Amino acid sequence: MDIVEAIGKVLIVGLLFGAGLPALFAVGLRMHEQGSDVVLDGSIIKGSPARRVLSFVIFGVVALVIITALLWITRQTLYFHTGIKLFPFGYK
C-alpha cells in the first residue's frame, strides 16, 4: 500500500507542476489581456484594472515557484560552497 500512496503523491505533484503551472501562467496571460485597453475602429475600450493586478499576482506566484524550485535543486551545492542552509531539511 505504501507504493500506491507514493505513486499517488508523485502523480499529484507532477500534475500540479507539470500542467498546473503552465495553466496558471495561461490564466495570468488571459487576465492581463482582459485588463488591457483595446483600440477597435478608433474607439478605446477600457480594460479592467483589477484583472490586470490579478495577472501580476499570478505571474509573481509562478515566478516564486520557479525560483524556489531552482533553489531546492541547487541546495546541496549552495550549502557546500557557501555554508548557507536555504531550507531547514534535506542536507547530507
PDB file of N, CA and C in Angstrom:
ATOM      1  N   MET A   1       0.817  -1.193   0.000  1.00  0.00           N
ATOM      2  CA  MET A   1       0.000   0.000   0.000  1.00  0.00           C
ATOM      3  C   MET A   1       0.863   1.261   0.000  1.00  0.00           C
ATOM      4  N   ASP A   2       2.070   1.177   0.545  1.00  0.00           N
ATOM      5  CA  ASP A   2       2.968   2.332   0.550  1.00  0.00           C
ATOM      6  C   ASP A   2       3.356   2.752  -0.860  1.00  0.00           C
ATOM      7  N   ILE A   3       3.510   1.768  -1.745  1.00  0.00           N
ATOM      8  CA  ILE A   3       3.895   2.070  -3.122  1.00  0.00           C
ATOM      9  C   ILE A   3       2.779   2.834  -3.824  1.00  0.00           C
ATOM     10  N   VAL A   4       1.543   2.414  -3.613  1.00  0.00           N
ATOM     11  CA  VAL A   4       0.408   3.094  -4.244  1.00  0.00           C
ATOM     12  C   VAL A   4       0.294   4.528  -3.725  1.00  0.00           C
ATOM     13  N   GLU A   5       0.515   4.724  -2.444  1.00  0.00           N
ATOM     14  CA  GLU A   5       0.466   6.062  -1.857  1.00  0.00           C
ATOM     15  C   GLU A   5       1.581   6.949  -2.422  1.00  0.00           C
ATOM     16  N   ALA A   6       2.767   6.384  -2.558  1.00  0.00           N
ATOM     17  CA  ALA A   6       3.897   7.144  -3.114  1.00  0.00           C
ATOM     18  C   ALA A   6       3.638   7.506  -4.577  1.00  0.00           C
ATOM     19  N   ILE A   7       3.087   6.580  -5.341  1.00  0.00           N
ATOM     20  CA  ILE A   7       2.770   6.858  -6.743  1.00  0.00           C
ATOM     21  C   ILE A   7       1.720   7.959  -6.837  1.00  0.00           C
ATOM     22  N   GLY A   8       0.740   7.926  -5.939  1.00  0.00           N
ATOM     23  CA  GLY A   8      -0.293   8.961  -5.922  1.00  0.00           C
ATOM     24  C   GLY A   8       0.283  10.337  -5.628  1.00  0.00           C
ATOM     25  N   LYS A   9       1.215  10.400  -4.675  1.00  0.00           N
ATOM     26  CA  LYS A   9       1.849  11.688  -4.355  1.00  0.00           C
ATOM     27  C   LYS A   9       2.654  12.224  -5.540  1.00  0.00           C
ATOM     28  N   VAL A  10       3.401  11.352  -6.187  1.00  0.00           N
ATOM     29  CA  VAL A  10       4.190  11.764  -7.350  1.00  0.00           C
ATOM     30  C   VAL A  10       3.266  12.220  -8.480  1.00  0.00           C
ATOM     31  N   LEU A  11       2.148  11.532  -8.662  1.00  0.00           N
ATOM     32  CA  LEU A  11       1.190  11.909  -9.696  1.00  0.00           C
ATOM     33  C   LEU A  11       0.598  13.290  -9.429  1.00  0.00           C
ATOM     34  N   ILE A  12       0.242  13.555  -8.194  1.00  0.00           N
ATOM     35  CA  ILE A  12      -0.349  14.847  -7.841  1.00  0.00           C
ATOM     36  C   ILE A  12       0.667  15.982  -8.040  1.00  0.00           C
ATOM     37  N   VAL A  13       1.888  15.777  -7.561  1.00  0.00           N
ATOM     38  CA  VAL A  13       2.918  16.809  -7.723  1.00  0.00           C
ATOM     39  C   VAL A  13       3.250  16.999  -9.198  1.00  0.00           C
ATOM     40  N   GLY A  14       3.305  15.917  -9.955  1.00  0.00           N
ATOM     41  CA  GLY A  14       3.574  16.018 -11.388  1.00  0.00           C
ATOM     42  C   GLY A  14       2.496  16.793 -12.123  1.00  0.00           C
ATOM     43  N   LEU A  15       1.246  16.541 -11.776  1.00  0.00           N
ATOM     44  CA  LEU A  15       0.148  17.286 -12.397  1.00  0.00           C
ATOM     45  C   LEU A  15       0.175  18.753 -11.987  1.00  0.00           C
ATOM     46  N   LEU A  16       0.482  18.993 -10.723  1.00  0.00           N
ATOM     47  CA  LEU A  16       0.499  20.363 -10.223  1.00  0.00           C
ATOM     48  C   LEU A  16       1.574  21.185 -10.919  1.00  0.00           C
ATOM     49  N   PHE A  17       2.786  20.685 -10.967  1.00  0.00           N
ATOM     50  CA  PHE A  17       3.880  21.447 -11.557  1.00  0.00           C
ATOM     51  C   PHE A  17       4.014  21.215 -13.060  1.00  0.00           C
ATOM     52  N   GLY A  18       3.658  20.036 -13.523  1.00  0.00           N
ATOM     53  CA  GLY A  18       3.799  19.734 -14.947  1.00  0.00           C
ATOM     54  C   GLY A  18       2.740  20.398 -15.798  1.00  0.00           C
ATOM     55  N   ALA A  19       1.498  20.409 -15.327  1.00  0.00           N
ATOM     56  CA  ALA A  19       0.412  21.014 -16.096  1.00  0.00           C
ATOM     57  C   ALA A  19      -0.179  22.213 -15.381  1.00  0.00           C
ATOM     58  N   GLY A  20      -0.122  22.224 -14.074  1.00  0.00           N
ATOM     59  CA  GLY A  20      -0.762  23.290 -13.310  1.00  0.00           C
ATOM     60  C   GLY A  20      -0.059  24.629 -13.437  1.00  0.00           C
ATOM     61  N   LEU A  21       1.245  24.628 -13.412  1.00  0.00           N
ATOM     62  CA  LEU A  21       1.998  25.884 -13.501  1.00  0.00           C
ATOM     63  C   LEU A  21       1.842  26.546 -14.874  1.00  0.00           C
ATOM     64  N   PRO A  22       1.973  25.806 -15.977  1.00  0.00           N
ATOM     65  CA  PRO A  22       1.694  26.443 -17.273  1.00  0.00           C
ATOM     66  C   PRO A  22       0.236  26.883 -17.417  1.00  0.00           C
ATOM     67  N   ALA A  23      -0.683  26.131 -16.844  1.00  0.00           N
ATOM     68  CA  ALA A  23      -2.094  26.539 -16.898  1.00  0.00           C
ATOM     69  C   ALA A  23      -2.314  27.816 -16.102  1.00  0.00           C
ATOM     70  N   LEU A  24      -1.667  27.930 -14.955  1.00  0.00           N
ATOM     71  CA  LEU A  24      -1.775  29.155 -14.155  1.00  0.00           C
ATOM     72  C   LEU A  24      -1.177  30.342 -14.906  1.00  0.00           C
ATOM     73  N   PHE A  25      -0.069  30.122 -15.599  1.00  0.00           N
ATOM     74  CA  PHE A  25       0.533  31.180 -16.410  1.00  0.00           C
ATOM     75  C   PHE A  25      -0.414  31.597 -17.536  1.00  0.00           C
ATOM     76  N   ALA A  26      -1.089  30.622 -18.150  1.00  0.00           N
ATOM     77  CA  ALA A  26      -2.047  30.939 -19.217  1.00  0.00           C
ATOM     78  C   ALA A  26      -3.218  31.754 -18.682  1.00  0.00           C
ATOM     79  N   VAL A  27      -3.677  31.440 -17.472  1.00  0.00           N
ATOM     80  CA  VAL A  27      -4.738  32.238 -16.849  1.00  0.00           C
ATOM     81  C   VAL A  27      -4.246  33.660 -16.609  1.00  0.00           C
ATOM     82  N   GLY A  28      -2.996  33.799 -16.185  1.00  0.00           N
ATOM     83  CA  GLY A  28      -2.415  35.118 -15.985  1.00  0.00           C
ATOM     84  C   GLY A  28      -2.350  35.914 -17.281  1.00  0.00           C
ATOM     85  N   LEU A  29      -1.990  35.252 -18.374  1.00  0.00           N
ATOM     86  CA  LEU A  29      -1.969  35.931 -19.671  1.00  0.00           C
ATOM     87  C   LEU A  29      -3.360  36.383 -20.085  1.00  0.00           C
ATOM     88  N   ARG A  30      -4.341  35.536 -19.834  1.00  0.00           N
ATOM     89  CA  ARG A  30      -5.730  35.880 -20.186  1.00  0.00           C
ATOM     90  C   ARG A  30      -6.226  37.068 -19.349  1.00  0.00           C
ATOM     91  N   MET A  31      -5.913  37.068 -18.062  1.00  0.00           N
ATOM     92  CA  MET A  31      -6.315  38.183 -17.202  1.00  0.00           C
ATOM     93  C   MET A  31      -5.613  39.477 -17.625  1.00  0.00           C
ATOM     94  N   HIS A  32      -4.348  39.369 -18.021  1.00  0.00           N
ATOM     95  CA  HIS A  32      -3.611  40.548 -18.464  1.00  0.00           C
ATOM     96  C   HIS A  32      -4.226  41.120 -19.745  1.00  0.00           C
ATOM     97  N   GLU A  33      -4.618  40.229 -20.642  1.00  0.00           N
ATOM     98  CA  GLU A  33      -5.224  40.666 -21.894  1.00  0.00           C
ATOM     99  C   GLU A  33      -6.569  41.339 -21.630  1.00  0.00           C
ATOM    100  N   GLN A  34      -7.363  40.811 -20.717  1.00  0.00           N
ATOM    101  CA  GLN A  34      -8.662  41.392 -20.404  1.00  0.00           C
ATOM    102  C   GLN A  34      -8.528  42.680 -19.595  1.00  0.00           C
ATOM    103  N   GLY A  35      -7.401  42.892 -18.960  1.00  0.00           N
ATOM    104  CA  GLY A  35      -7.190  44.099 -18.192  1.00  0.00           C
ATOM    105  C   GLY A  35      -6.590  45.239 -18.988  1.00  0.00           C
ATOM    106  N   SER A  36      -6.164  44.953 -20.212  1.00  0.00           N
ATOM    107  CA  SER A  36      -5.526  45.984 -21.040  1.00  0.00           C
ATOM    108  C   SER A  36      -6.568  46.725 -21.869  1.00  0.00           C
ATOM    109  N   ASP A  37      -6.227  47.958 -22.224  1.00  0.00           N
ATOM    110  CA  ASP A  37      -7.087  48.748 -23.103  1.00  0.00           C
ATOM    111  C   ASP A  37      -6.979  48.224 -24.531  1.00  0.00           C
ATOM    112  N   VAL A  38      -8.105  48.258 -25.268  1.00  0.00           N
ATOM    113  CA  VAL A  38      -8.150  47.755 -26.635  1.00  0.00           C
ATOM    114  C   VAL A  38      -8.653  48.876 -27.539  1.00  0.00           C
ATOM    115  N   VAL A  39      -8.024  49.015 -28.690  1.00  0.00           N
ATOM    116  CA  VAL A  39      -8.461  50.013 -29.675  1.00  0.00           C
ATOM    117  C   VAL A  39      -9.142  49.281 -30.826  1.00  0.00           C
ATOM    118  N   LEU A  40     -10.437  49.551 -31.013  1.00  0.00           N
ATOM    119  CA  LEU A  40     -11.206  48.969 -32.108  1.00  0.00           C
ATOM    120  C   LEU A  40     -11.865  50.095 -32.897  1.00  0.00           C
ATOM    121  N   ASP A  41     -11.575  50.171 -34.172  1.00  0.00           N
ATOM    122  CA  ASP A  41     -12.192  51.169 -35.062  1.00  0.00           C
ATOM    123  C   ASP A  41     -12.057  52.588 -34.527  1.00  0.00           C
ATOM    124  N   GLY A  42     -10.937  52.908 -33.937  1.00  0.00           N
ATOM    125  CA  GLY A  42     -10.697  54.250 -33.439  1.00  0.00           C
ATOM    126  C   GLY A  42     -11.246  54.538 -32.061  1.00  0.00           C
ATOM    127  N   SER A  43     -12.019  53.610 -31.487  1.00  0.00           N
ATOM    128  CA  SER A  43     -12.545  53.816 -30.134  1.00  0.00           C
ATOM    129  C   SER A  43     -11.757  52.956 -29.151  1.00  0.00           C
ATOM    130  N   ILE A  44     -11.591  53.467 -27.953  1.00  0.00           N
ATOM    131  CA  ILE A  44     -10.812  52.762 -26.930  1.00  0.00           C
ATOM    132  C   ILE A  44     -11.759  52.084 -25.954  1.00  0.00           C
ATOM    133  N   ILE A  45     -11.576  50.796 -25.792  1.00  0.00           N
ATOM    134  CA  ILE A  45     -12.347  50.027 -24.822  1.00  0.00           C
ATOM    135  C   ILE A  45     -11.464  49.822 -23.604  1.00  0.00           C
ATOM    136  N   LYS A  46     -11.909  50.339 -22.478  1.00  0.00           N
ATOM    137  CA  LYS A  46     -11.121  50.249 -21.244  1.00  0.00           C
ATOM    138  C   LYS A  46     -11.163  48.829 -20.686  1.00  0.00           C
ATOM    139  N   GLY A  47     -10.001  48.390 -20.231  1.00  0.00           N
ATOM    140  CA  GLY A  47      -9.909  47.091 -19.589  1.00  0.00           C
ATOM    141  C   GLY A  47     -10.130  47.209 -18.094  1.00  0.00           C
ATOM    142  N   SER A  48     -10.200  46.082 -17.451  1.00  0.00           N
ATOM    143  CA  SER A  48     -10.422  46.047 -16.011  1.00  0.00           C
ATOM    144  C   SER A  48      -9.086  46.124 -15.271  1.00  0.00           C
ATOM    145  N   PRO A  49      -8.877  47.160 -14.438  1.00  0.00           N
ATOM    146  CA  PRO A  49      -7.618  47.253 -13.692  1.00  0.00           C
ATOM    147  C   PRO A  49      -7.459  46.120 -12.675  1.00  0.00           C
ATOM    148  N   ALA A  50      -8.562  45.620 -12.152  1.00  0.00           N
ATOM    149  CA  ALA A  50      -8.478  44.525 -11.180  1.00  0.00           C
ATOM    150  C   ALA A  50      -7.929  43.258 -11.833  1.00  0.00           C
ATOM    151  N   ARG A  51      -8.334  42.996 -13.051  1.00  0.00           N
ATOM    152  CA  ARG A  51      -7.825  41.809 -13.749  1.00  0.00           C
ATOM    153  C   ARG A  51      -6.343  41.966 -14.075  1.00  0.00           C
ATOM    154  N   ARG A  52      -5.939  43.179 -14.371  1.00  0.00           N
ATOM    155  CA  ARG A  52      -4.520  43.416 -14.658  1.00  0.00           C
ATOM    156  C   ARG A  52      -3.676  43.194 -13.400  1.00  0.00           C
ATOM    157  N   VAL A  53      -4.159  43.669 -12.261  1.00  0.00           N
ATOM    158  CA  VAL A  53      -3.450  43.454 -10.996  1.00  0.00           C
ATOM    159  C   VAL A  53      -3.419  41.964 -10.671  1.00  0.00           C
ATOM    160  N   LEU A  54      -4.548  41.278 -10.892  1.00  0.00           N
ATOM    161  CA  LEU A  54      -4.597  39.835 -10.655  1.00  0.00           C
ATOM    162  C   LEU A  54      -3.585  39.104 -11.535  1.00  0.00           C
ATOM    163  N   SER A  55      -3.423  39.560 -12.763  1.00  0.00           N
ATOM    164  CA  SER A  55      -2.448  38.911 -13.646  1.00  0.00           C
ATOM    165  C   SER A  55      -1.030  39.061 -13.105  1.00  0.00           C
ATOM    166  N   PHE A  56      -0.698  40.241 -12.561  1.00  0.00           N
ATOM    167  CA  PHE A  56       0.637  40.421 -11.994  1.00  0.00           C
ATOM    168  C   PHE A  56       0.841  39.569 -10.745  1.00  0.00           C
ATOM    169  N   VAL A  57      -0.205  39.383  -9.962  1.00  0.00           N
ATOM    170  CA  VAL A  57      -0.120  38.500  -8.791  1.00  0.00           C
ATOM    171  C   VAL A  57       0.132  37.060  -9.242  1.00  0.00           C
ATOM    172  N   ILE A  58      -0.583  36.623 -10.269  1.00  0.00           N
ATOM    173  CA  ILE A  58      -0.402  35.261 -10.786  1.00  0.00           C
ATOM    174  C   ILE A  58       1.010  35.090 -11.338  1.00  0.00           C
ATOM    175  N   PHE A  59       1.507  36.073 -12.085  1.00  0.00           N
ATOM    176  CA  PHE A  59       2.874  35.984 -12.615  1.00  0.00           C
ATOM    177  C   PHE A  59       3.894  35.929 -11.472  1.00  0.00           C
ATOM    178  N   GLY A  60       3.634  36.666 -10.397  1.00  0.00           N
ATOM    179  CA  GLY A  60       4.517  36.632  -9.233  1.00  0.00           C
ATOM    180  C   GLY A  60       4.547  35.266  -8.573  1.00  0.00           C
ATOM    181  N   VAL A  61       3.383  34.630  -8.459  1.00  0.00           N
ATOM    182  CA  VAL A  61       3.309  33.289  -7.867  1.00  0.00           C
ATOM    183  C   VAL A  61       4.078  32.297  -8.736  1.00  0.00           C
ATOM    184  N   VAL A  62       3.896  32.365 -10.036  1.00  0.00           N
ATOM    185  CA  VAL A  62       4.610  31.458 -10.951  1.00  0.00           C
ATOM    186  C   VAL A  62       6.120  31.665 -10.829  1.00  0.00           C
ATOM    187  N   ALA A  63       6.556  32.918 -10.800  1.00  0.00           N
ATOM    188  CA  ALA A  63       7.989  33.199 -10.666  1.00  0.00           C
ATOM    189  C   ALA A  63       8.533  32.701  -9.328  1.00  0.00           C
ATOM    190  N   LEU A  64       7.761  32.885  -8.257  1.00  0.00           N
ATOM    191  CA  LEU A  64       8.185  32.423  -6.934  1.00  0.00           C
ATOM    192  C   LEU A  64       8.336  30.907  -6.890  1.00  0.00           C
ATOM    193  N   VAL A  65       7.423  30.186  -7.515  1.00  0.00           N
ATOM    194  CA  VAL A  65       7.515  28.721  -7.556  1.00  0.00           C
ATOM    195  C   VAL A  65       8.748  28.291  -8.344  1.00  0.00           C
ATOM    196  N   ILE A  66       9.020  28.943  -9.454  1.00  0.00           N
ATOM    197  CA  ILE A  66      10.187  28.581 -10.272  1.00  0.00           C
ATOM    198  C   ILE A  66      11.482  28.856  -9.519  1.00  0.00           C
ATOM    199  N   ILE A  67      11.576  30.005  -8.872  1.00  0.00           N
ATOM    200  CA  ILE A  67      12.792  30.344  -8.117  1.00  0.00           C
ATOM    201  C   ILE A  67      12.991  29.378  -6.946  1.00  0.00           C
ATOM    202  N   THR A  68      11.903  29.061  -6.239  1.00  0.00           N
ATOM    203  CA  THR A  68      12.003  28.116  -5.124  1.00  0.00           C
ATOM    204  C   THR A  68      12.444  26.741  -5.614  1.00  0.00           C
ATOM    205  N   ALA A  69      11.929  26.307  -6.748  1.00  0.00           N
ATOM    206  CA  ALA A  69      12.322  25.007  -7.299  1.00  0.00           C
ATOM    207  C   ALA A  69      13.802  24.994  -7.677  1.00  0.00           C
ATOM    208  N   LEU A  70      14.284  26.077  -8.276  1.00  0.00           N
ATOM    209  CA  LEU A  70      15.705  26.135  -8.630  1.00  0.00           C
ATOM    210  C   LEU A  70      16.599  26.129  -7.384  1.00  0.00           C
ATOM    211  N   LEU A  71      16.183  26.854  -6.365  1.00  0.00           N
ATOM    212  CA  LEU A  71      16.961  26.853  -5.125  1.00  0.00           C
ATOM    213  C   LEU A  71      16.924  25.486  -4.452  1.00  0.00           C
ATOM    214  N   TRP A  72      15.795  24.793  -4.526  1.00  0.00           N
ATOM    215  CA  TRP A  72      15.696  23.453  -3.949  1.00  0.00           C
ATOM    216  C   TRP A  72      16.622  22.479  -4.680  1.00  0.00           C
ATOM    217  N   ILE A  73      16.676  22.590  -5.998  1.00  0.00           N
ATOM    218  CA  ILE A  73      17.531  21.700  -6.782  1.00  0.00           C
ATOM    219  C   ILE A  73      19.007  21.943  -6.468  1.00  0.00           C
ATOM    220  N   THR A  74      19.382  23.191  -6.248  1.00  0.00           N
ATOM    221  CA  THR A  74      20.795  23.528  -6.030  1.00  0.00           C
ATOM    222  C   THR A  74      21.155  23.678  -4.550  1.00  0.00           C
ATOM    223  N   ARG A  75      20.300  23.244  -3.635  1.00  0.00           N
ATOM    224  CA  ARG A  75      20.531  23.478  -2.201  1.00  0.00           C
ATOM    225  C   ARG A  75      21.824  22.834  -1.699  1.00  0.00           C
ATOM    226  N   GLN A  76      22.147  21.644  -2.161  1.00  0.00           N
ATOM    227  CA  GLN A  76      23.364  20.969  -1.704  1.00  0.00           C
ATOM    228  C   GLN A  76      24.613  21.717  -2.167  1.00  0.00           C
ATOM    229  N   THR A  77      24.615  22.155  -3.412  1.00  0.00           N
ATOM    230  CA  THR A  77      25.765  22.881  -3.945  1.00  0.00           C
ATOM    231  C   THR A  77      25.939  24.220  -3.238  1.00  0.00           C
ATOM    232  N   LEU A  78      24.841  24.921  -3.014  1.00  0.00           N
ATOM    233  CA  LEU A  78      24.916  26.202  -2.310  1.00  0.00           C
ATOM    234  C   LEU A  78      25.424  26.011  -0.884  1.00  0.00           C
ATOM    235  N   TYR A  79      24.960  24.948  -0.230  1.00  0.00           N
ATOM    236  CA  TYR A  79      25.415  24.675   1.133  1.00  0.00           C
ATOM    237  C   TYR A  79      26.899  24.316   1.147  1.00  0.00           C
ATOM    238  N   PHE A  80      27.336  23.534   0.177  1.00  0.00           N
ATOM    239  CA  PHE A  80      28.737  23.108   0.121  1.00  0.00           C
ATOM    240  C   PHE A  80      29.666  24.301  -0.093  1.00  0.00           C
ATOM    241  N   HIS A  81      29.307  25.198  -0.993  1.00  0.00           N
ATOM    242  CA  HIS A  81      30.194  26.310  -1.339  1.00  0.00           C
ATOM    243  C   HIS A  81      30.055  27.512  -0.410  1.00  0.00           C
ATOM    244  N   THR A  82      28.870  27.747   0.145  1.00  0.00           N
ATOM    245  CA  THR A  82      28.668  28.952   0.959  1.00  0.00           C
ATOM    246  C   THR A  82      28.367  28.667   2.418  1.00  0.00           C
ATOM    247  N   GLY A  83      27.923  27.451   2.731  1.00  0.00           N
ATOM    248  CA  GLY A  83      27.550  27.125   4.100  1.00  0.00           C
ATOM    249  C   GLY A  83      26.173  27.648   4.487  1.00  0.00           C
ATOM    250  N   ILE A  84      25.425  28.147   3.531  1.00  0.00           N
ATOM    251  CA  ILE A  84      24.090  28.695   3.794  1.00  0.00           C
ATOM    252  C   ILE A  84      23.049  27.604   3.600  1.00  0.00           C
ATOM    253  N   LYS A  85      22.219  27.404   4.625  1.00  0.00           N
ATOM    254  CA  LYS A  85      21.110  26.458   4.522  1.00  0.00           C
ATOM    255  C   LYS A  85      19.850  27.232   4.182  1.00  0.00           C
ATOM    256  N   LEU A  86      19.387  27.111   2.929  1.00  0.00           N
ATOM    257  CA  LEU A  86      18.186  27.809   2.498  1.00  0.00           C
ATOM    258  C   LEU A  86      16.929  27.125   3.003  1.00  0.00           C
ATOM    259  N   PHE A  87      16.978  25.815   3.141  1.00  0.00           N
ATOM    260  CA  PHE A  87      15.854  25.033   3.626  1.00  0.00           C
ATOM    261  C   PHE A  87      16.303  24.304   4.891  1.00  0.00           C
ATOM    262  N   PRO A  88      15.440  24.145   5.877  1.00  0.00           N
ATOM    263  CA  PRO A  88      15.875  23.559   7.144  1.00  0.00           C
ATOM    264  C   PRO A  88      16.040  22.038   7.114  1.00  0.00           C
ATOM    265  N   PHE A  89      15.851  21.412   5.980  1.00  0.00           N
ATOM    266  CA  PHE A  89      15.932  19.957   5.908  1.00  0.00           C
ATOM    267  C   PHE A  89      16.519  19.556   4.553  1.00  0.00           C
ATOM    268  N   GLY A  90      16.909  18.305   4.427  1.00  0.00           N
ATOM    269  CA  GLY A  90      17.400  17.785   3.154  1.00  0.00           C
ATOM    270  C   GLY A  90      18.885  17.950   2.909  1.00  0.00           C
ATOM    271  N   TYR A  91      19.692  18.023   3.960  1.00  0.00           N
ATOM    272  CA  TYR A  91      21.128  18.165   3.785  1.00  0.00           C
ATOM    273  C   TYR A  91      21.823  16.911   4.265  1.00  0.00           C
ATOM    274  N   LYS A  92      22.942  16.577   3.603  1.00  0.00           N
ATOM    275  CA  LYS A  92      23.719  15.387   3.982  1.00  0.00           C
ATOM    276  C   LYS A  92      24.887  15.804   4.827  1.00  0.00           C
TER     277      LYS A  92
END
